[in-house]
C-alpha atoms as a PDB file:
ATOM      1  CA  MET A   1     118.004 129.897  97.099  1.00  0.00           C
ATOM      2  CA  SER A   2     114.878 131.290  98.718  1.00  0.00           C
ATOM      3  CA  GLU A   3     112.600 129.298 101.002  1.00  0.00           C
ATOM      4  CA  GLN A   4     109.796 129.529  98.425  1.00  0.00           C
ATOM      5  CA  ALA A   5     112.093 128.136  95.743  1.00  0.00           C
ATOM      6  CA  LEU A   6     113.081 125.254  98.036  1.00  0.00           C
ATOM      7  CA  THR A   7     109.448 124.484  98.796  1.00  0.00           C
ATOM      8  CA  ASN A   8     108.531 124.525  95.120  1.00  0.00           C
ATOM      9  CA  THR A   9     111.519 122.321  94.333  1.00  0.00           C
ATOM     10  CA  ALA A  10     110.451 119.821  96.991  1.00  0.00           C
ATOM     11  CA  GLU A  11     106.907 119.673  95.656  1.00  0.00           C
ATOM     12  CA  ASP A  12     108.218 119.025  92.144  1.00  0.00           C
ATOM     13  CA  ASN A  13     110.888 116.666  93.439  1.00  0.00           C
ATOM     14  CA  LYS A  14     111.056 113.161  92.041  1.00  0.00           C
ATOM     15  CA  ASN A  15     113.907 112.152  94.344  1.00  0.00           C
ATOM     16  CA  PRO A  16     113.084 108.782  95.968  1.00  0.00           C
ATOM     17  CA  VAL A  17     115.474 109.520  98.860  1.00  0.00           C
ATOM     18  CA  VAL A  18     113.500 112.604  99.891  1.00  0.00           C
ATOM     19  CA  ASP A  19     110.225 110.700  99.583  1.00  0.00           C
ATOM     20  CA  GLU A  20     111.584 107.856 101.721  1.00  0.00           C
ATOM     21  CA  VAL A  21     112.821 110.237 104.436  1.00  0.00           C
ATOM     22  CA  PHE A  22     109.414 111.931 104.627  1.00  0.00           C
ATOM     23  CA  ASN A  23     107.866 108.471 104.838  1.00  0.00           C
ATOM     24  CA  ILE A  24     110.191 107.551 107.720  1.00  0.00           C
ATOM     25  CA  PHE A  25     109.428 110.833 109.517  1.00  0.00           C
ATOM     26  CA  SER A  26     105.680 110.313 109.236  1.00  0.00           C
ATOM     27  CA  ASN A  27     105.589 106.638 110.242  1.00  0.00           C
ATOM     28  CA  VAL A  28     108.367 106.155 112.794  1.00  0.00           C
ATOM     29  CA  TRP A  29     109.027 107.760 116.162  1.00  0.00           C
ATOM     30  CA  ASN A  30     112.719 108.304 115.387  1.00  0.00           C
ATOM     31  CA  LYS A  31     113.291 111.540 113.458  1.00  0.00           C
ATOM     32  CA  GLN A  32     116.941 110.856 112.628  1.00  0.00           C
ATOM     33  CA  VAL A  33     118.350 109.684 109.329  1.00  0.00           C
ATOM     34  CA  ILE A  34     121.850 109.324 107.928  1.00  0.00           C
ATOM     35  CA  LEU A  35     122.369 110.128 104.281  1.00  0.00           C
ATOM     36  CA  TYR A  36     125.430 108.314 103.006  1.00  0.00           C
ATOM     37  CA  GLY A  37     127.022 107.558  99.684  1.00  0.00           C
ATOM     38  CA  PRO A  38     129.858 108.518  97.402  1.00  0.00           C
ATOM     39  CA  PRO A  39     130.560 112.135  96.500  1.00  0.00           C
ATOM     40  CA  GLY A  40     128.177 113.678  94.005  1.00  0.00           C
ATOM     41  CA  THR A  41     125.057 111.690  94.893  1.00  0.00           C
ATOM     42  CA  SER A  42     122.951 114.676  96.051  1.00  0.00           C
ATOM     43  CA  LYS A  43     123.196 114.061  99.792  1.00  0.00           C
ATOM     44  CA  THR A  44     123.522 117.748 100.616  1.00  0.00           C
ATOM     45  CA  TYR A  45     120.834 118.751  98.127  1.00  0.00           C
ATOM     46  CA  SER A  46     118.452 116.168  99.578  1.00  0.00           C
ATOM     47  CA  ALA A  47     119.213 117.333 103.143  1.00  0.00           C
ATOM     48  CA  ILE A  48     118.436 120.950 102.199  1.00  0.00           C
ATOM     49  CA  ILE A  49     115.110 119.967 100.595  1.00  0.00           C
ATOM     50  CA  ILE A  50     114.176 117.826 103.619  1.00  0.00           C
ATOM     51  CA  ALA A  51     115.108 120.562 106.114  1.00  0.00           C
ATOM     52  CA  ALA A  52     113.152 123.192 104.204  1.00  0.00           C
ATOM     53  CA  ASN A  53     109.995 121.081 104.379  1.00  0.00           C
ATOM     54  CA  ILE A  54     110.010 119.878 107.966  1.00  0.00           C
END
């Protein structure tokens, strides 16, 4: 997946996890988060979208 595709996906993203992480990054001094949950809950996908937009 290209960087442009990731950026477009993030802009169109309705994932509340990604929105919350960006909110944490913009309002808190700590830039670390832990994504946890059972398999298949889009942790890796969310991490890729977040990393592409930092």
